[in-house]
């Protein structure tokens, strides 16, 4: 039976490459604490990928670590850490006015802060774009914008709505990276290295790729009407070349990793905070981290259409509440996220299963091939109730 499922999955990968959906792909499925299968199409297993928004679940873990250490609260106003967020302005009732309350850690962790990305229409998007333009302009200069400086600039922009009133994808995780840096007293990347990458044996994960590993960093591609072309641009403040330690360590998009490295993190979450017998996060912390947080009003704007039917959101991840409403097969409590270049992960506690998929195609997100893979695996192993 396992061989039949593996053949199906391999066929999906081959088809996705042959039809031009992806330039290449790596797939790793883990079940019951063991590797179920690994499949690669056009790429080596130890290839290093730009994670983009698959960075966010790791940033979430960093915040959770500080919470369980008693160093910050979910309810903390972030102006306590970042002056740029003192008394923010927001677009409310088509007017720009002072908000009734400040942005909190909870707002950042659940994308209810009002912060948006630079491609969002309107004043809030334009303000965010100005910050990213400044980051990009200074990337390779001797005075680049730092993680904390960028976060404060995001705070000076207009919010798309008053904190807590709605949901919108944006720069919240970048701001969280700065807060982790301030609270921990060490650069964000160093904190991740100490608390996660070293104990989880994530040797190829970080905010840049060392010179001796550069040959393993895969090229990124943009899809055109006539096929794929190389993409070399810098996006969301992240250097495409990943060839130097950045001053701006993006908590929303900046990490790179291998499929095996990332599986160490997803394994730890699936085992309620334990990796190879070593506790990384407390069990109750992981349960809190992977629980839905949006109320009904906030959920109205969640995600991008039908793909998010049945889902809630919490701590920088989507979380499945109602499998019967979803557009892919799944189980209650399944959680995960994806990235701009097609990286994807899904953990399902009920099935004790992790699905990790990686490619490098711009403007991807949750790709059709990843949805097909998810359907095959949950069709075979799914045990969750439908409602």
Protein backbone atom coordinates (compact mmCIF):
# COMPACT_ATOMS: atom_id res chain seq x y z
CA UNK A 1 0.00 0.00 0.00
CA UNK A 2 2.81 2.42 0.86
CA UNK A 3 4.42 1.80 -2.53
CA UNK A 4 1.15 2.56 -4.30
CA UNK A 5 0.74 5.86 -2.44
CA UNK A 6 4.36 6.73 -3.18
CA UNK A 7 3.80 6.05 -6.88
CA UNK A 8 0.76 8.35 -6.85
CA UNK A 9 2.73 11.12 -5.16
CA UNK A 10 5.65 10.71 -7.55
CA UNK A 11 3.25 10.96 -10.47
CA UNK A 12 1.85 14.21 -9.09
CA UNK A 13 5.35 15.69 -8.79
CA UNK A 14 6.33 14.61 -12.30
CA UNK A 15 3.08 15.97 -13.77
CA UNK A 16 3.56 19.31 -11.98
CA UNK A 17 7.04 19.68 -13.48
CA UNK A 18 6.07 18.46 -16.96
CA UNK A 19 3.05 20.77 -17.23
CA UNK A 20 5.05 23.80 -16.09
CA UNK A 21 3.40 24.32 -12.72
CA UNK A 22 6.75 24.11 -10.91
CA UNK A 23 10.40 24.04 -12.05
CA UNK A 24 11.26 21.24 -9.57
CA UNK A 25 10.09 19.93 -6.23
CA UNK A 26 11.01 18.19 -3.00
CA UNK A 27 8.43 16.30 -0.95
CA UNK A 28 8.88 14.75 2.50
CA UNK A 29 6.10 12.93 4.34
CA UNK A 30 6.56 11.81 7.92
CA UNK A 31 4.11 9.55 9.74
CA UNK A 32 4.10 8.29 13.32
CA UNK A 33 7.54 9.72 13.98
CA UNK A 34 9.17 8.09 10.97
CA UNK A 35 9.83 8.94 7.34
CA UNK A 36 6.97 7.66 5.19
CA UNK A 37 8.50 8.79 1.92
CA UNK A 38 10.82 11.31 0.31
CA UNK A 39 10.48 12.25 -3.35
CA UNK A 40 12.55 14.70 -5.36
CA UNK A 41 11.98 15.84 -8.91
CA UNK A 42 14.75 17.85 -10.55
CA UNK A 43 16.43 18.79 -7.27
CA UNK A 44 18.68 17.21 -4.63
CA UNK A 45 17.45 16.32 -1.17
CA UNK A 46 19.97 18.61 0.54
CA UNK A 47 19.00 21.62 -1.59
CA UNK A 48 18.58 24.89 0.30
CA UNK A 49 15.33 26.78 -0.34
CA UNK A 50 14.21 30.32 0.40
CA UNK A 51 11.33 29.78 2.81
CA UNK A 52 9.64 33.17 2.53
CA UNK A 53 6.44 32.92 4.59
CA UNK A 54 7.29 29.45 5.84
CA UNK A 55 9.53 31.55 8.11
CA UNK A 56 6.44 32.67 10.02
CA UNK A 57 5.74 29.43 11.95
CA UNK A 58 9.32 29.55 13.26
CA UNK A 59 8.89 33.17 14.33
CA UNK A 60 5.71 32.08 16.08
CA UNK A 61 7.70 29.47 18.00
CA UNK A 62 10.21 32.12 19.07
CA UNK A 63 7.45 34.27 20.54
CA UNK A 64 5.99 31.23 22.28
CA UNK A 65 9.40 30.49 23.80
CA UNK A 66 9.57 33.96 25.33
CA UNK A 67 6.00 33.63 26.58
CA UNK A 68 6.65 30.37 28.40
CA UNK A 69 9.78 31.93 29.91
CA UNK A 70 7.62 34.72 31.33
CA UNK A 71 9.41 37.40 29.33
CA UNK A 72 6.43 38.76 27.40
CA UNK A 73 2.65 38.56 27.45
CA UNK A 74 0.18 37.90 24.65
CA UNK A 75 -1.64 41.03 25.82
CA UNK A 76 1.44 43.30 25.82
CA UNK A 77 1.09 46.53 23.88
CA UNK A 78 3.96 46.55 21.43
CA UNK A 79 4.71 50.22 22.04
CA UNK A 80 6.31 48.83 25.21
CA UNK A 81 9.06 47.55 22.91
CA UNK A 82 8.83 49.69 19.76
CA UNK A 83 8.31 53.45 19.92
CA UNK A 84 7.03 53.54 16.35
CA UNK A 85 3.79 51.95 17.54
CA UNK A 86 2.87 54.51 20.19
CA UNK A 87 -0.74 55.56 19.51
CA UNK A 88 -1.08 54.27 15.95
CA UNK A 89 -3.29 55.72 13.23
CA UNK A 90 -5.73 53.57 11.26
CA UNK A 91 -8.13 53.83 8.36
CA UNK A 92 -11.59 53.66 9.98
CA UNK A 93 -14.88 54.74 8.39
CA UNK A 94 -12.83 55.88 5.38
CA UNK A 95 -10.97 58.36 7.58
CA UNK A 96 -7.48 58.23 9.05
CA UNK A 97 -7.75 58.64 12.80
CA UNK A 98 -6.20 57.59 16.08
CA UNK A 99 -7.06 54.06 17.14
CA UNK A 100 -9.02 53.38 20.32
CA UNK A 101 -6.32 51.00 21.55
CA UNK A 102 -2.77 50.03 20.69
CA UNK A 103 -1.52 46.99 18.77
CA UNK A 104 -0.74 43.98 20.98
CA UNK A 105 1.36 40.83 20.64
CA UNK A 106 -1.93 38.98 20.14
CA UNK A 107 -2.76 41.20 17.17
CA UNK A 108 0.62 40.53 15.58
CA UNK A 109 0.46 36.77 16.12
CA UNK A 110 -2.98 36.56 14.52
CA UNK A 111 -2.67 39.16 11.74
CA UNK A 112 -5.34 41.35 13.33
CA UNK A 113 -2.93 44.28 13.75
CA UNK A 114 -3.98 46.23 10.66
CA UNK A 115 -0.47 45.94 9.20
CA UNK A 116 -0.36 44.98 5.51
CA UNK A 117 2.22 44.26 2.81
CA UNK A 118 3.33 46.79 0.23
CA UNK A 119 1.21 45.33 -2.56
CA UNK A 120 -2.01 46.01 -0.64
CA UNK A 121 -4.11 48.81 -2.18
CA UNK A 122 -4.63 52.09 -0.39
CA UNK A 123 -2.73 54.20 2.12
CA UNK A 124 -1.67 51.33 4.40
CA UNK A 125 -0.14 49.44 1.49
CA UNK A 126 1.66 52.52 0.19
CA UNK A 127 3.16 53.17 3.62
CA UNK A 128 4.39 49.57 3.88
CA UNK A 129 5.85 49.74 0.38
CA UNK A 130 7.90 52.80 1.33
CA UNK A 131 9.52 50.83 4.14
CA UNK A 132 10.36 47.89 1.87
CA UNK A 133 11.71 50.28 -0.76
CA UNK A 134 14.03 51.74 1.86
CA UNK A 135 15.15 48.27 2.99
CA UNK A 136 15.91 47.27 -0.62
CA UNK A 137 17.71 50.51 -1.39
CA UNK A 138 20.08 49.95 1.53
CA UNK A 139 20.47 46.13 1.37
CA UNK A 140 24.02 46.09 0.03
CA UNK A 141 25.20 49.42 1.45
CA UNK A 142 27.29 49.97 4.56
CA UNK A 143 24.23 51.36 6.40
CA UNK A 144 21.42 48.82 5.86
CA UNK A 145 18.13 49.10 7.72
CA UNK A 146 18.06 46.85 10.79
CA UNK A 147 15.30 44.56 12.05
CA UNK A 148 14.27 46.97 14.80
CA UNK A 149 14.55 50.07 12.60
CA UNK A 150 12.30 48.49 9.98
CA UNK A 151 9.74 47.47 12.60
CA UNK A 152 9.54 51.01 13.97
CA UNK A 153 9.01 52.35 10.45
CA UNK A 154 6.17 49.88 9.88
CA UNK A 155 4.62 51.25 13.06
CA UNK A 156 4.72 54.82 11.78
CA UNK A 157 2.55 53.89 8.80
CA UNK A 158 -1.23 53.94 8.72
CA UNK A 159 -2.94 50.68 9.72
CA UNK A 160 -5.55 49.28 7.37
CA UNK A 161 -8.03 48.97 10.25
CA UNK A 162 -8.10 49.46 14.01
CA UNK A 163 -6.31 46.69 15.93
CA UNK A 164 -8.48 43.62 16.44
CA UNK A 165 -11.27 44.67 14.09
CA UNK A 166 -10.42 42.40 11.15
CA UNK A 167 -7.76 40.14 9.60
CA UNK A 168 -5.19 41.08 6.98
CA UNK A 169 -1.98 39.42 5.91
CA UNK A 170 0.98 41.70 6.39
CA UNK A 171 4.19 42.62 8.17
CA UNK A 172 3.14 41.51 11.66
CA UNK A 173 5.73 38.70 11.76
CA UNK A 174 8.51 41.12 10.81
CA UNK A 175 7.57 43.27 13.78
CA UNK A 176 7.53 40.17 15.99
CA UNK A 177 11.09 39.39 14.93
CA UNK A 178 12.15 42.79 16.22
CA UNK A 179 10.31 42.24 19.50
CA UNK A 180 12.03 38.88 19.98
CA UNK A 181 15.34 40.67 19.44
CA UNK A 182 14.54 43.36 22.00
CA UNK A 183 13.11 41.05 24.67
CA UNK A 184 15.83 38.40 24.34
CA UNK A 185 18.66 40.91 24.20
CA UNK A 186 20.26 39.22 21.20
CA UNK A 187 19.84 39.48 17.40
CA UNK A 188 16.77 37.61 16.18
CA UNK A 189 18.87 35.15 14.19
CA UNK A 190 21.07 34.38 17.19
CA UNK A 191 18.01 33.70 19.34
CA UNK A 192 16.64 31.29 16.74
CA UNK A 193 20.03 29.59 16.50
CA UNK A 194 20.32 29.14 20.27
CA UNK A 195 16.74 28.11 21.05
CA UNK A 196 15.77 26.19 17.92
CA UNK A 197 18.31 25.55 15.18
CA UNK A 198 21.05 24.10 17.38
CA UNK A 199 18.89 21.81 19.55
CA UNK A 200 16.82 20.78 16.50
CA UNK A 201 19.94 20.02 14.43
CA UNK A 202 18.85 22.47 11.74
CA UNK A 203 22.37 22.97 10.40
CA UNK A 204 21.36 24.49 7.06
CA UNK A 205 18.76 26.95 8.34
CA UNK A 206 19.34 30.67 8.79
CA UNK A 207 19.00 34.14 7.31
CA UNK A 208 21.80 33.64 4.79
CA UNK A 209 23.78 30.85 3.14
CA UNK A 210 27.47 30.54 3.92
CA UNK A 211 29.92 30.62 1.02
CA UNK A 212 30.73 26.90 1.20
CA UNK A 213 27.01 26.05 0.97
CA UNK A 214 26.05 28.50 -1.78
CA UNK A 215 26.17 25.79 -4.45
CA UNK A 216 23.28 24.06 -2.67
CA UNK A 217 21.06 27.16 -2.76
CA UNK A 218 18.62 26.48 -5.58
CA UNK A 219 17.84 29.07 -8.22
CA UNK A 220 14.47 30.75 -8.09
CA UNK A 221 12.16 31.03 -11.08
CA UNK A 222 9.35 33.16 -12.41
CA UNK A 223 6.69 31.59 -14.60
CA UNK A 224 5.97 33.32 -17.92
CA UNK A 225 3.73 32.60 -20.90
CA UNK A 226 6.55 30.65 -22.55
CA UNK A 227 7.94 28.82 -19.53
CA UNK A 228 10.24 29.63 -16.62
CA UNK A 229 12.87 32.32 -16.41
CA UNK A 230 15.40 32.91 -13.64
CA UNK A 231 14.27 35.28 -10.91
CA UNK A 232 17.05 37.25 -9.24
CA UNK A 233 15.11 40.07 -7.59
CA UNK A 234 15.03 40.93 -3.91
CA UNK A 235 11.56 40.73 -2.38
CA UNK A 236 10.08 41.67 1.02
CA UNK A 237 13.48 42.86 2.16
CA UNK A 238 15.09 39.47 1.51
CA UNK A 239 18.24 39.08 -0.61
CA UNK A 240 17.64 36.54 -3.35
CA UNK A 241 21.33 35.61 -3.36
CA UNK A 242 21.29 34.93 0.40
CA UNK A 243 25.01 35.65 0.26
CA UNK A 244 25.55 37.87 3.31
CA UNK A 245 24.23 38.20 6.85
CA UNK A 246 21.36 40.67 6.58
CA UNK A 247 20.81 43.58 8.95
CA UNK A 248 17.06 43.12 8.48
CA UNK A 249 16.27 39.59 9.66
CA UNK A 250 12.72 39.21 8.41
CA UNK A 251 10.49 37.25 10.76
CA UNK A 252 7.94 37.02 7.99
CA UNK A 253 10.05 35.89 5.05
CA UNK A 254 13.80 35.82 5.66
CA UNK A 255 14.85 32.25 6.44
CA UNK A 256 16.25 29.58 4.16
CA UNK A 257 16.33 25.86 4.93
CA UNK A 258 16.34 22.31 3.59
CA UNK A 259 13.37 19.98 3.60
CA UNK A 260 15.01 17.78 6.26
CA UNK A 261 15.91 20.72 8.49
CA UNK A 262 12.37 22.02 8.36
CA UNK A 263 11.02 18.57 9.18
CA UNK A 264 12.92 18.71 12.49
CA UNK A 265 10.85 21.76 13.42
CA UNK A 266 7.55 20.23 12.30
CA UNK A 267 8.41 16.98 14.10
CA UNK A 268 9.01 18.92 17.29
CA UNK A 269 5.59 20.56 17.03
CA UNK A 270 3.88 17.27 16.23
CA UNK A 271 5.53 15.69 19.29
CA UNK A 272 4.19 18.50 21.51
CA UNK A 273 7.50 20.30 21.83
CA UNK A 274 9.94 17.38 22.02
CA UNK A 275 12.69 16.49 19.54
CA UNK A 276 14.77 13.34 20.04
CA UNK A 277 13.91 13.28 23.72
CA UNK A 278 14.82 16.93 24.29
CA UNK A 279 12.11 19.41 25.18
CA UNK A 280 12.20 22.55 23.03
CA UNK A 281 8.78 24.00 23.88
CA UNK A 282 6.42 23.07 26.71
CA UNK A 283 3.49 20.83 25.74
CA UNK A 284 0.90 23.40 26.80
CA UNK A 285 2.76 26.04 24.79
CA UNK A 286 2.49 23.98 21.60
CA UNK A 287 -1.22 23.39 22.22
CA UNK A 288 -1.75 27.12 22.63
CA UNK A 289 0.39 27.85 19.57
CA UNK A 290 -1.62 25.52 17.34
CA UNK A 291 -5.10 26.57 18.51
CA UNK A 292 -7.42 28.86 16.49
CA UNK A 293 -7.62 32.45 17.66
CA UNK A 294 -9.92 34.45 15.34
CA UNK A 295 -13.48 35.39 16.25
CA UNK A 296 -16.28 35.29 13.66
CA UNK A 297 -15.89 38.95 12.66
CA UNK A 298 -12.15 38.55 12.11
CA UNK A 299 -12.59 35.33 10.12
CA UNK A 300 -14.69 37.07 7.47
CA UNK A 301 -11.56 38.40 5.77
CA UNK A 302 -9.35 35.34 6.34
CA UNK A 303 -7.22 34.07 3.49
CA UNK A 304 -7.71 34.04 -0.24
CA UNK A 305 -11.13 32.66 -1.17
CA UNK A 306 -12.37 29.07 -1.16
CA UNK A 307 -9.00 27.59 -0.15
CA UNK A 308 -9.61 28.91 3.36
CA UNK A 309 -13.18 27.74 3.85
CA UNK A 310 -13.32 25.76 7.08
CA UNK A 311 -10.10 27.27 8.42
CA UNK A 312 -9.35 29.59 11.30
CA UNK A 313 -6.00 31.26 11.96
CA UNK A 314 -3.74 31.51 14.96
CA UNK A 315 -0.12 32.30 15.75
CA UNK A 316 0.91 32.79 12.11
CA UNK A 317 -0.66 29.55 10.82
CA UNK A 318 -3.97 28.37 9.35
CA UNK A 319 -5.80 25.85 11.52
CA UNK A 320 -8.58 23.59 10.25
CA UNK A 321 -11.79 23.77 12.29
CA UNK A 322 -14.44 22.42 9.90
CA UNK A 323 -13.08 19.83 7.44
CA UNK A 324 -16.48 19.43 5.80
CA UNK A 325 -16.30 23.03 4.55
CA UNK A 326 -12.69 22.86 3.33
CA UNK A 327 -11.53 22.61 -0.28
CA UNK A 328 -8.97 19.88 0.46
CA UNK A 329 -9.15 16.73 2.57
CA UNK A 330 -8.00 17.20 6.15
CA UNK A 331 -8.72 16.69 9.83
CA UNK A 332 -9.79 18.92 12.71
CA UNK A 333 -6.75 20.59 14.24
CA UNK A 334 -4.53 20.28 11.16
CA UNK A 335 -2.27 23.33 10.92
CA UNK A 336 0.43 24.78 8.68
CA UNK A 337 1.37 27.52 6.22
CA UNK A 338 3.06 28.20 2.88
CA UNK A 339 5.45 30.65 1.25
CA UNK A 340 5.67 33.00 -1.72
CA UNK A 341 7.99 30.65 -3.62
CA UNK A 342 5.83 27.56 -3.11
CA UNK A 343 7.15 26.15 0.16
CA UNK A 344 4.41 24.42 2.18
CA UNK A 345 3.90 22.42 5.34
CA UNK A 346 0.96 20.76 7.05
CA UNK A 347 0.93 18.98 10.41
CA UNK A 348 -2.01 16.80 11.42
CA UNK A 349 -1.93 15.68 15.08
CA UNK A 350 -4.78 13.19 14.59
CA UNK A 351 -2.88 11.30 11.90
CA UNK A 352 0.53 12.07 13.42
CA UNK A 353 1.53 13.16 9.94
CA UNK A 354 3.67 15.96 8.50
CA UNK A 355 3.69 16.99 4.85
CA UNK A 356 6.49 19.28 3.67
CA UNK A 357 6.79 20.43 0.06
CA UNK A 358 9.36 22.80 -1.41
CA UNK A 359 9.89 24.48 -4.75
CA UNK A 360 11.09 27.96 -5.87
CA UNK A 361 8.55 29.67 -8.10
CA UNK A 362 7.54 33.25 -7.39
CA UNK A 363 3.93 34.19 -6.65
CA UNK A 364 3.10 30.63 -5.63
CA UNK A 365 1.69 30.26 -2.12
CA UNK A 366 -0.41 27.13 -1.64
CA UNK A 367 0.12 25.53 -5.05
CA UNK A 368 -2.33 23.08 -6.70
CA UNK A 369 0.28 20.31 -6.58
CA UNK A 370 0.54 20.72 -2.80
CA UNK A 371 -3.26 20.47 -2.54
CA UNK A 372 -3.27 17.29 -4.65
CA UNK A 373 -0.56 15.78 -2.47
CA UNK A 374 -2.55 16.67 0.64
CA UNK A 375 -5.69 15.05 -0.79
CA UNK A 376 -3.88 11.79 -1.60
CA UNK A 377 -2.36 11.54 1.87
CA UNK A 378 -5.47 12.46 3.84
CA UNK A 379 -7.53 10.22 1.58
CA UNK A 380 -5.31 7.33 2.63
CA UNK A 381 -4.63 8.16 6.27
CA UNK A 382 -7.35 10.60 7.31
CA UNK A 383 -9.21 9.67 10.48
CA UNK A 384 -10.77 12.97 11.45
CA UNK A 385 -14.47 13.66 11.85
CA UNK A 386 -16.33 15.87 9.37
CA UNK A 387 -18.69 18.61 10.37
